[in-house]
């Protein structure tokens, strides 16, 4: 297998993984920021509130958008395994 092939396959998997992880990470960051501001304004020192809200929102996000997020990763993996015989020397 040439170095260019390995690089292109790894780049595609990395990009698809970033597409899969990016939206939930962005949503959890925004939620943590908003809840942190609300806790600072109300002077609430509850530690489990941001974690609980983030877990619920990310779970709902993955339930409703899971197929959309996993689609590119699944197609890349399927293509790699179907062309696996070409990668071997």
PDB file of N, CA and C in Angstrom:
ATOM      1  N   UNK A   1       0.847  -1.162   0.000  1.00  0.00           N
ATOM      2  CA  UNK A   1       0.000   0.000   0.000  1.00  0.00           C
ATOM      3  C   UNK A   1       0.901   1.237   0.000  1.00  0.00           C
ATOM      4  N   UNK A   2       0.567   2.180  -0.827  1.00  0.00           N
ATOM      5  CA  UNK A   2       1.390   3.385  -0.916  1.00  0.00           C
ATOM      6  C   UNK A   2       1.083   4.327   0.249  1.00  0.00           C
ATOM      7  N   UNK A   3       2.007   5.213   0.473  1.00  0.00           N
ATOM      8  CA  UNK A   3       1.836   6.175   1.557  1.00  0.00           C
ATOM      9  C   UNK A   3       0.691   7.134   1.261  1.00  0.00           C
ATOM     10  N   UNK A   4       0.477   7.454   0.011  1.00  0.00           N
ATOM     11  CA  UNK A   4      -0.623   8.349  -0.363  1.00  0.00           C
ATOM     12  C   UNK A   4      -1.976   7.714  -0.063  1.00  0.00           C
ATOM     13  N   UNK A   5      -2.089   6.409  -0.292  1.00  0.00           N
ATOM     14  CA  UNK A   5      -3.334   5.709  -0.005  1.00  0.00           C
ATOM     15  C   UNK A   5      -3.612   5.677   1.485  1.00  0.00           C
ATOM     16  N   UNK A   6      -2.602   5.374   2.262  1.00  0.00           N
ATOM     17  CA  UNK A   6      -2.755   5.351   3.717  1.00  0.00           C
ATOM     18  C   UNK A   6      -3.142   6.729   4.227  1.00  0.00           C
ATOM     19  N   UNK A   7      -2.491   7.751   3.713  1.00  0.00           N
ATOM     20  CA  UNK A   7      -2.788   9.112   4.144  1.00  0.00           C
ATOM     21  C   UNK A   7      -4.213   9.503   3.799  1.00  0.00           C
ATOM     22  N   UNK A   8      -4.660   9.164   2.605  1.00  0.00           N
ATOM     23  CA  UNK A   8      -6.019   9.540   2.214  1.00  0.00           C
ATOM     24  C   UNK A   8      -7.071   8.796   3.034  1.00  0.00           C
ATOM     25  N   UNK A   9      -6.828   7.530   3.313  1.00  0.00           N
ATOM     26  CA  UNK A   9      -7.775   6.758   4.126  1.00  0.00           C
ATOM     27  C   UNK A   9      -7.822   7.307   5.552  1.00  0.00           C
ATOM     28  N   UNK A  10      -6.666   7.566   6.135  1.00  0.00           N
ATOM     29  CA  UNK A  10      -6.635   8.102   7.501  1.00  0.00           C
ATOM     30  C   UNK A  10      -7.252   9.497   7.580  1.00  0.00           C
ATOM     31  N   UNK A  11      -7.003  10.309   6.563  1.00  0.00           N
ATOM     32  CA  UNK A  11      -7.585  11.649   6.536  1.00  0.00           C
ATOM     33  C   UNK A  11      -9.105  11.583   6.463  1.00  0.00           C
ATOM     34  N   UNK A  12      -9.608  10.674   5.640  1.00  0.00           N
ATOM     35  CA  UNK A  12     -11.065  10.549   5.513  1.00  0.00           C
ATOM     36  C   UNK A  12     -11.693  10.059   6.817  1.00  0.00           C
ATOM     37  N   UNK A  13     -11.079   9.076   7.453  1.00  0.00           N
ATOM     38  CA  UNK A  13     -11.607   8.581   8.733  1.00  0.00           C
ATOM     39  C   UNK A  13     -11.539   9.665   9.801  1.00  0.00           C
ATOM     40  N   UNK A  14     -10.457  10.431   9.827  1.00  0.00           N
ATOM     41  CA  UNK A  14     -10.336  11.521  10.795  1.00  0.00           C
ATOM     42  C   UNK A  14     -11.405  12.581  10.562  1.00  0.00           C
ATOM     43  N   UNK A  15     -11.626  12.937   9.312  1.00  0.00           N
ATOM     44  CA  UNK A  15     -12.647  13.932   8.982  1.00  0.00           C
ATOM     45  C   UNK A  15     -14.046  13.435   9.360  1.00  0.00           C
ATOM     46  N   UNK A  16     -14.343  12.166   9.064  1.00  0.00           N
ATOM     47  CA  UNK A  16     -15.651  11.609   9.412  1.00  0.00           C
ATOM     48  C   UNK A  16     -15.840  11.518  10.925  1.00  0.00           C
ATOM     49  N   UNK A  17     -14.780  11.215  11.645  1.00  0.00           N
ATOM     50  CA  UNK A  17     -14.853  11.176  13.102  1.00  0.00           C
ATOM     51  C   UNK A  17     -15.103  12.570  13.669  1.00  0.00           C
ATOM     52  N   UNK A  18     -14.454  13.574  13.104  1.00  0.00           N
ATOM     53  CA  UNK A  18     -14.692  14.954  13.540  1.00  0.00           C
ATOM     54  C   UNK A  18     -16.124  15.367  13.245  1.00  0.00           C
ATOM     55  N   UNK A  19     -16.671  14.933  12.121  1.00  0.00           N
ATOM     56  CA  UNK A  19     -18.065  15.230  11.787  1.00  0.00           C
ATOM     57  C   UNK A  19     -19.015  14.539  12.755  1.00  0.00           C
ATOM     58  N   UNK A  20     -18.643  13.354  13.209  1.00  0.00           N
ATOM     59  CA  UNK A  20     -19.479  12.612  14.152  1.00  0.00           C
ATOM     60  C   UNK A  20     -19.432  13.224  15.545  1.00  0.00           C
ATOM     61  N   UNK A  21     -18.267  13.657  15.985  1.00  0.00           N
ATOM     62  CA  UNK A  21     -18.080  14.124  17.356  1.00  0.00           C
ATOM     63  C   UNK A  21     -18.321  15.632  17.489  1.00  0.00           C
ATOM     64  N   UNK A  22     -18.136  16.376  16.418  1.00  0.00           N
ATOM     65  CA  UNK A  22     -18.212  17.833  16.476  1.00  0.00           C
ATOM     66  C   UNK A  22     -19.521  18.411  16.964  1.00  0.00           C
ATOM     67  N   UNK A  23     -20.663  18.074  16.356  1.00  0.00           N
ATOM     68  CA  UNK A  23     -21.919  18.671  16.807  1.00  0.00           C
ATOM     69  C   UNK A  23     -22.276  18.393  18.277  1.00  0.00           C
ATOM     70  N   UNK A  24     -22.167  17.135  18.758  1.00  0.00           N
ATOM     71  CA  UNK A  24     -22.451  16.946  20.184  1.00  0.00           C
ATOM     72  C   UNK A  24     -21.480  17.699  21.090  1.00  0.00           C
ATOM     73  N   UNK A  25     -20.230  17.800  20.690  1.00  0.00           N
ATOM     74  CA  UNK A  25     -19.253  18.543  21.485  1.00  0.00           C
ATOM     75  C   UNK A  25     -19.578  20.030  21.506  1.00  0.00           C
ATOM     76  N   UNK A  26     -19.963  20.567  20.374  1.00  0.00           N
ATOM     77  CA  UNK A  26     -20.338  21.974  20.294  1.00  0.00           C
ATOM     78  C   UNK A  26     -21.586  22.262  21.134  1.00  0.00           C
ATOM     79  N   UNK A  27     -22.578  21.395  21.049  1.00  0.00           N
ATOM     80  CA  UNK A  27     -23.807  21.570  21.830  1.00  0.00           C
ATOM     81  C   UNK A  27     -23.514  21.487  23.328  1.00  0.00           C
ATOM     82  N   UNK A  28     -22.685  20.534  23.731  1.00  0.00           N
ATOM     83  CA  UNK A  28     -22.378  20.402  25.160  1.00  0.00           C
ATOM     84  C   UNK A  28     -21.586  21.602  25.668  1.00  0.00           C
ATOM     85  N   UNK A  29     -20.726  22.179  24.832  1.00  0.00           N
ATOM     86  CA  UNK A  29     -19.974  23.363  25.232  1.00  0.00           C
ATOM     87  C   UNK A  29     -20.897  24.558  25.421  1.00  0.00           C
ATOM     88  N   UNK A  30     -21.834  24.749  24.500  1.00  0.00           N
ATOM     89  CA  UNK A  30     -22.782  25.862  24.611  1.00  0.00           C
ATOM     90  C   UNK A  30     -23.674  25.685  25.833  1.00  0.00           C
ATOM     91  N   UNK A  31     -24.136  24.460  26.072  1.00  0.00           N
ATOM     92  CA  UNK A  31     -24.984  24.202  27.243  1.00  0.00           C
ATOM     93  C   UNK A  31     -24.219  24.457  28.531  1.00  0.00           C
ATOM     94  N   UNK A  32     -22.980  24.008  28.596  1.00  0.00           N
ATOM     95  CA  UNK A  32     -22.174  24.232  29.800  1.00  0.00           C
ATOM     96  C   UNK A  32     -21.946  25.725  30.034  1.00  0.00           C
ATOM     97  N   UNK A  33     -21.736  26.474  28.960  1.00  0.00           N
ATOM     98  CA  UNK A  33     -21.536  27.920  29.092  1.00  0.00           C
ATOM     99  C   UNK A  33     -22.807  28.607  29.602  1.00  0.00           C
ATOM    100  N   UNK A  34     -23.946  28.268  29.021  1.00  0.00           N
ATOM    101  CA  UNK A  34     -25.214  28.891  29.437  1.00  0.00           C
ATOM    102  C   UNK A  34     -25.553  28.527  30.881  1.00  0.00           C
ATOM    103  N   UNK A  35     -25.399  27.266  31.234  1.00  0.00           N
ATOM    104  CA  UNK A  35     -25.704  26.849  32.607  1.00  0.00           C
ATOM    105  C   UNK A  35     -24.706  27.463  33.582  1.00  0.00           C
ATOM    106  N   UNK A  36     -23.458  27.583  33.175  1.00  0.00           N
ATOM    107  CA  UNK A  36     -22.462  28.237  34.035  1.00  0.00           C
ATOM    108  C   UNK A  36     -22.812  29.687  34.307  1.00  0.00           C
ATOM    109  N   UNK A  37     -23.280  30.385  33.267  1.00  0.00           N
ATOM    110  CA  UNK A  37     -23.699  31.777  33.476  1.00  0.00           C
ATOM    111  C   UNK A  37     -24.913  31.832  34.380  1.00  0.00           C
ATOM    112  N   UNK A  38     -25.883  30.957  34.163  1.00  0.00           N
ATOM    113  CA  UNK A  38     -27.070  30.942  35.030  1.00  0.00           C
ATOM    114  C   UNK A  38     -26.703  30.615  36.478  1.00  0.00           C
ATOM    115  N   UNK A  39     -25.781  29.695  36.674  1.00  0.00           N
ATOM    116  CA  UNK A  39     -25.358  29.366  38.031  1.00  0.00           C
ATOM    117  C   UNK A  39     -24.602  30.522  38.663  1.00  0.00           C
ATOM    118  N   UNK A  40     -23.838  31.247  37.894  1.00  0.00           N
ATOM    119  CA  UNK A  40     -23.109  32.395  38.442  1.00  0.00           C
ATOM    120  C   UNK A  40     -24.067  33.519  38.818  1.00  0.00           C
ATOM    121  N   UNK A  41     -25.087  33.724  37.992  1.00  0.00           N
ATOM    122  CA  UNK A  41     -26.057  34.786  38.275  1.00  0.00           C
ATOM    123  C   UNK A  41     -26.893  34.443  39.500  1.00  0.00           C
ATOM    124  N   UNK A  42     -27.326  33.199  39.593  1.00  0.00           N
ATOM    125  CA  UNK A  42     -28.182  32.802  40.718  1.00  0.00           C
ATOM    126  C   UNK A  42     -27.389  32.306  41.926  1.00  0.00           C
ATOM    127  N   UNK A  43     -26.075  32.236  41.800  1.00  0.00           N
ATOM    128  CA  UNK A  43     -25.175  31.765  42.852  1.00  0.00           C
ATOM    129  C   UNK A  43     -25.533  30.362  43.335  1.00  0.00           C
ATOM    130  N   UNK A  44     -25.927  29.520  42.394  1.00  0.00           N
ATOM    131  CA  UNK A  44     -26.217  28.122  42.684  1.00  0.00           C
ATOM    132  C   UNK A  44     -24.921  27.333  42.544  1.00  0.00           C
ATOM    133  N   UNK A  45     -24.624  26.490  43.518  1.00  0.00           N
ATOM    134  CA  UNK A  45     -23.378  25.719  43.506  1.00  0.00           C
ATOM    135  C   UNK A  45     -23.627  24.234  43.242  1.00  0.00           C
ATOM    136  N   UNK A  46     -24.684  23.918  42.524  1.00  0.00           N
ATOM    137  CA  UNK A  46     -25.005  22.530  42.204  1.00  0.00           C
ATOM    138  C   UNK A  46     -24.053  22.013  41.134  1.00  0.00           C
ATOM    139  N   UNK A  47     -23.318  20.937  41.420  1.00  0.00           N
ATOM    140  CA  UNK A  47     -22.313  20.412  40.496  1.00  0.00           C
ATOM    141  C   UNK A  47     -22.888  19.434  39.471  1.00  0.00           C
ATOM    142  N   UNK A  48     -24.000  18.782  39.809  1.00  0.00           N
ATOM    143  CA  UNK A  48     -24.532  17.765  38.909  1.00  0.00           C
ATOM    144  C   UNK A  48     -25.486  18.332  37.867  1.00  0.00           C
ATOM    145  N   UNK A  49     -25.944  19.548  38.047  1.00  0.00           N
ATOM    146  CA  UNK A  49     -26.899  20.133  37.109  1.00  0.00           C
ATOM    147  C   UNK A  49     -26.348  20.241  35.693  1.00  0.00           C
ATOM    148  N   UNK A  50     -25.156  20.813  35.473  1.00  0.00           N
ATOM    149  CA  UNK A  50     -24.673  20.893  34.086  1.00  0.00           C
ATOM    150  C   UNK A  50     -24.427  19.526  33.456  1.00  0.00           C
ATOM    151  N   UNK A  51     -23.929  18.587  34.238  1.00  0.00           N
ATOM    152  CA  UNK A  51     -23.653  17.259  33.695  1.00  0.00           C
ATOM    153  C   UNK A  51     -24.941  16.552  33.295  1.00  0.00           C
ATOM    154  N   UNK A  52     -25.966  16.676  34.130  1.00  0.00           N
ATOM    155  CA  UNK A  52     -27.240  16.021  33.841  1.00  0.00           C
ATOM    156  C   UNK A  52     -27.880  16.605  32.596  1.00  0.00           C
ATOM    157  N   UNK A  53     -27.894  17.913  32.497  1.00  0.00           N
ATOM    158  CA  UNK A  53     -28.501  18.555  31.331  1.00  0.00           C
ATOM    159  C   UNK A  53     -27.726  18.204  30.068  1.00  0.00           C
ATOM    160  N   UNK A  54     -26.399  18.217  30.117  1.00  0.00           N
ATOM    161  CA  UNK A  54     -25.598  17.867  28.951  1.00  0.00           C
ATOM    162  C   UNK A  54     -25.845  16.425  28.523  1.00  0.00           C
ATOM    163  N   UNK A  55     -25.926  15.512  29.480  1.00  0.00           N
ATOM    164  CA  UNK A  55     -26.162  14.108  29.141  1.00  0.00           C
ATOM    165  C   UNK A  55     -27.515  13.920  28.479  1.00  0.00           C
ATOM    166  N   UNK A  56     -28.541  14.594  28.995  1.00  0.00           N
ATOM    167  CA  UNK A  56     -29.881  14.464  28.422  1.00  0.00           C
ATOM    168  C   UNK A  56     -29.922  15.055  27.013  1.00  0.00           C
ATOM    169  N   UNK A  57     -29.352  16.238  26.829  1.00  0.00           N
ATOM    170  CA  UNK A  57     -29.395  16.892  25.520  1.00  0.00           C
ATOM    171  C   UNK A  57     -28.569  16.118  24.491  1.00  0.00           C
ATOM    172  N   UNK A  58     -27.404  15.631  24.866  1.00  0.00           N
ATOM    173  CA  UNK A  58     -26.585  14.865  23.927  1.00  0.00           C
ATOM    174  C   UNK A  58     -27.255  13.540  23.582  1.00  0.00           C
ATOM    175  N   UNK A  59     -27.893  12.913  24.548  1.00  0.00           N
ATOM    176  CA  UNK A  59     -28.622  11.674  24.269  1.00  0.00           C
ATOM    177  C   UNK A  59     -29.756  11.925  23.285  1.00  0.00           C
ATOM    178  N   UNK A  60     -30.529  12.983  23.511  1.00  0.00           N
ATOM    179  CA  UNK A  60     -31.607  13.316  22.579  1.00  0.00           C
ATOM    180  C   UNK A  60     -31.062  13.676  21.201  1.00  0.00           C
ATOM    181  N   UNK A  61     -29.948  14.373  21.182  1.00  0.00           N
ATOM    182  CA  UNK A  61     -29.338  14.732  19.906  1.00  0.00           C
ATOM    183  C   UNK A  61     -28.902  13.492  19.140  1.00  0.00           C
ATOM    184  N   UNK A  62     -28.298  12.535  19.814  1.00  0.00           N
ATOM    185  CA  UNK A  62     -27.866  11.306  19.153  1.00  0.00           C
ATOM    186  C   UNK A  62     -29.043  10.437  18.741  1.00  0.00           C
ATOM    187  N   UNK A  63     -30.128  10.472  19.505  1.00  0.00           N
ATOM    188  CA  UNK A  63     -31.310   9.695  19.127  1.00  0.00           C
ATOM    189  C   UNK A  63     -31.927  10.257  17.850  1.00  0.00           C
ATOM    190  N   UNK A  64     -32.052  11.578  17.774  1.00  0.00           N
ATOM    191  CA  UNK A  64     -32.718  12.177  16.627  1.00  0.00           C
ATOM    192  C   UNK A  64     -31.794  12.403  15.429  1.00  0.00           C
ATOM    193  N   UNK A  65     -30.514  12.645  15.658  1.00  0.00           N
ATOM    194  CA  UNK A  65     -29.590  12.942  14.564  1.00  0.00           C
ATOM    195  C   UNK A  65     -28.521  11.862  14.369  1.00  0.00           C
ATOM    196  N   UNK A  66     -28.677  10.748  15.035  1.00  0.00           N
ATOM    197  CA  UNK A  66     -27.659   9.704  14.985  1.00  0.00           C
ATOM    198  C   UNK A  66     -27.386   9.179  13.590  1.00  0.00           C
ATOM    199  N   UNK A  67     -28.450   8.926  12.820  1.00  0.00           N
ATOM    200  CA  UNK A  67     -28.256   8.410  11.458  1.00  0.00           C
ATOM    201  C   UNK A  67     -27.534   9.415  10.578  1.00  0.00           C
ATOM    202  N   UNK A  68     -27.846  10.685  10.730  1.00  0.00           N
ATOM    203  CA  UNK A  68     -27.191  11.710   9.934  1.00  0.00           C
ATOM    204  C   UNK A  68     -25.723  11.835  10.298  1.00  0.00           C
ATOM    205  N   UNK A  69     -25.420  11.757  11.586  1.00  0.00           N
ATOM    206  CA  UNK A  69     -24.043  11.912  12.032  1.00  0.00           C
ATOM    207  C   UNK A  69     -23.182  10.696  11.717  1.00  0.00           C
ATOM    208  N   UNK A  70     -23.753   9.509  11.793  1.00  0.00           N
ATOM    209  CA  UNK A  70     -22.957   8.299  11.597  1.00  0.00           C
ATOM    210  C   UNK A  70     -22.860   7.896  10.125  1.00  0.00           C
ATOM    211  N   UNK A  71     -23.673   8.488   9.262  1.00  0.00           N
ATOM    212  CA  UNK A  71     -23.703   8.122   7.840  1.00  0.00           C
ATOM    213  C   UNK A  71     -22.355   8.181   7.143  1.00  0.00           C
ATOM    214  N   UNK A  72     -21.652   9.334   7.180  1.00  0.00           N
ATOM    215  CA  UNK A  72     -20.349   9.387   6.501  1.00  0.00           C
ATOM    216  C   UNK A  72     -19.325   8.415   7.081  1.00  0.00           C
ATOM    217  N   UNK A  73     -19.332   8.242   8.394  1.00  0.00           N
ATOM    218  CA  UNK A  73     -18.392   7.315   9.034  1.00  0.00           C
ATOM    219  C   UNK A  73     -18.681   5.881   8.598  1.00  0.00           C
ATOM    220  N   UNK A  74     -19.949   5.540   8.524  1.00  0.00           N
ATOM    221  CA  UNK A  74     -20.340   4.197   8.097  1.00  0.00           C
ATOM    222  C   UNK A  74     -19.950   3.948   6.649  1.00  0.00           C
ATOM    223  N   UNK A  75     -20.186   4.924   5.769  1.00  0.00           N
ATOM    224  CA  UNK A  75     -19.846   4.717   4.360  1.00  0.00           C
ATOM    225  C   UNK A  75     -18.333   4.621   4.161  1.00  0.00           C
ATOM    226  N   UNK A  76     -17.563   5.404   4.904  1.00  0.00           N
ATOM    227  CA  UNK A  76     -16.102   5.308   4.808  1.00  0.00           C
ATOM    228  C   UNK A  76     -15.612   3.953   5.290  1.00  0.00           C
ATOM    229  N   UNK A  77     -16.147   3.491   6.401  1.00  0.00           N
ATOM    230  CA  UNK A  77     -15.747   2.186   6.928  1.00  0.00           C
ATOM    231  C   UNK A  77     -16.130   1.071   5.967  1.00  0.00           C
ATOM    232  N   UNK A  78     -17.306   1.164   5.397  1.00  0.00           N
ATOM    233  CA  UNK A  78     -17.751   0.157   4.439  1.00  0.00           C
ATOM    234  C   UNK A  78     -16.851   0.140   3.204  1.00  0.00           C
ATOM    235  N   UNK A  79     -16.476   1.316   2.728  1.00  0.00           N
ATOM    236  CA  UNK A  79     -15.593   1.392   1.564  1.00  0.00           C
ATOM    237  C   UNK A  79     -14.208   0.821   1.867  1.00  0.00           C
ATOM    238  N   UNK A  80     -13.686   1.110   3.051  1.00  0.00           N
ATOM    239  CA  UNK A  80     -12.368   0.590   3.430  1.00  0.00           C
ATOM    240  C   UNK A  80     -12.387  -0.932   3.502  1.00  0.00           C
ATOM    241  N   UNK A  81     -13.425  -1.484   4.136  1.00  0.00           N
ATOM    242  CA  UNK A  81     -13.470  -2.941   4.273  1.00  0.00           C
ATOM    243  C   UNK A  81     -13.797  -3.636   2.953  1.00  0.00           C
ATOM    244  N   UNK A  82     -14.551  -2.982   2.077  1.00  0.00           N
ATOM    245  CA  UNK A  82     -14.835  -3.618   0.794  1.00  0.00           C
ATOM    246  C   UNK A  82     -13.618  -3.564  -0.130  1.00  0.00           C
ATOM    247  N   UNK A  83     -12.754  -2.580   0.037  1.00  0.00           N
ATOM    248  CA  UNK A  83     -11.537  -2.466  -0.775  1.00  0.00           C
ATOM    249  C   UNK A  83     -10.290  -2.937  -0.026  1.00  0.00           C
ATOM    250  N   UNK A  84     -10.485  -3.687   1.030  1.00  0.00           N
ATOM    251  CA  UNK A  84      -9.365  -4.110   1.866  1.00  0.00           C
ATOM    252  C   UNK A  84      -8.370  -4.967   1.091  1.00  0.00           C
ATOM    253  N   UNK A  85      -8.848  -5.758   0.173  1.00  0.00           N
ATOM    254  CA  UNK A  85      -7.953  -6.625  -0.604  1.00  0.00           C
ATOM    255  C   UNK A  85      -6.994  -5.804  -1.479  1.00  0.00           C
ATOM    256  N   UNK A  86      -7.361  -4.584  -1.828  1.00  0.00           N
ATOM    257  CA  UNK A  86      -6.488  -3.727  -2.627  1.00  0.00           C
ATOM    258  C   UNK A  86      -5.364  -3.100  -1.801  1.00  0.00           C
ATOM    259  N   UNK A  87      -5.584  -2.990  -0.503  1.00  0.00           N
ATOM    260  CA  UNK A  87      -4.594  -2.334   0.354  1.00  0.00           C
ATOM    261  C   UNK A  87      -3.432  -3.259   0.712  1.00  0.00           C
ATOM    262  N   UNK A  88      -3.660  -4.546   0.628  1.00  0.00           N
ATOM    263  CA  UNK A  88      -2.635  -5.515   0.979  1.00  0.00           C
ATOM    264  C   UNK A  88      -1.645  -5.655  -0.165  1.00  0.00           C
ATOM    265  N   UNK A  89      -0.381  -5.810   0.163  1.00  0.00           N
ATOM    266  CA  UNK A  89       0.648  -5.955  -0.875  1.00  0.00           C
ATOM    267  C   UNK A  89       0.630  -7.310  -1.467  1.00  0.00           C
TER     268      UNK A  89
END
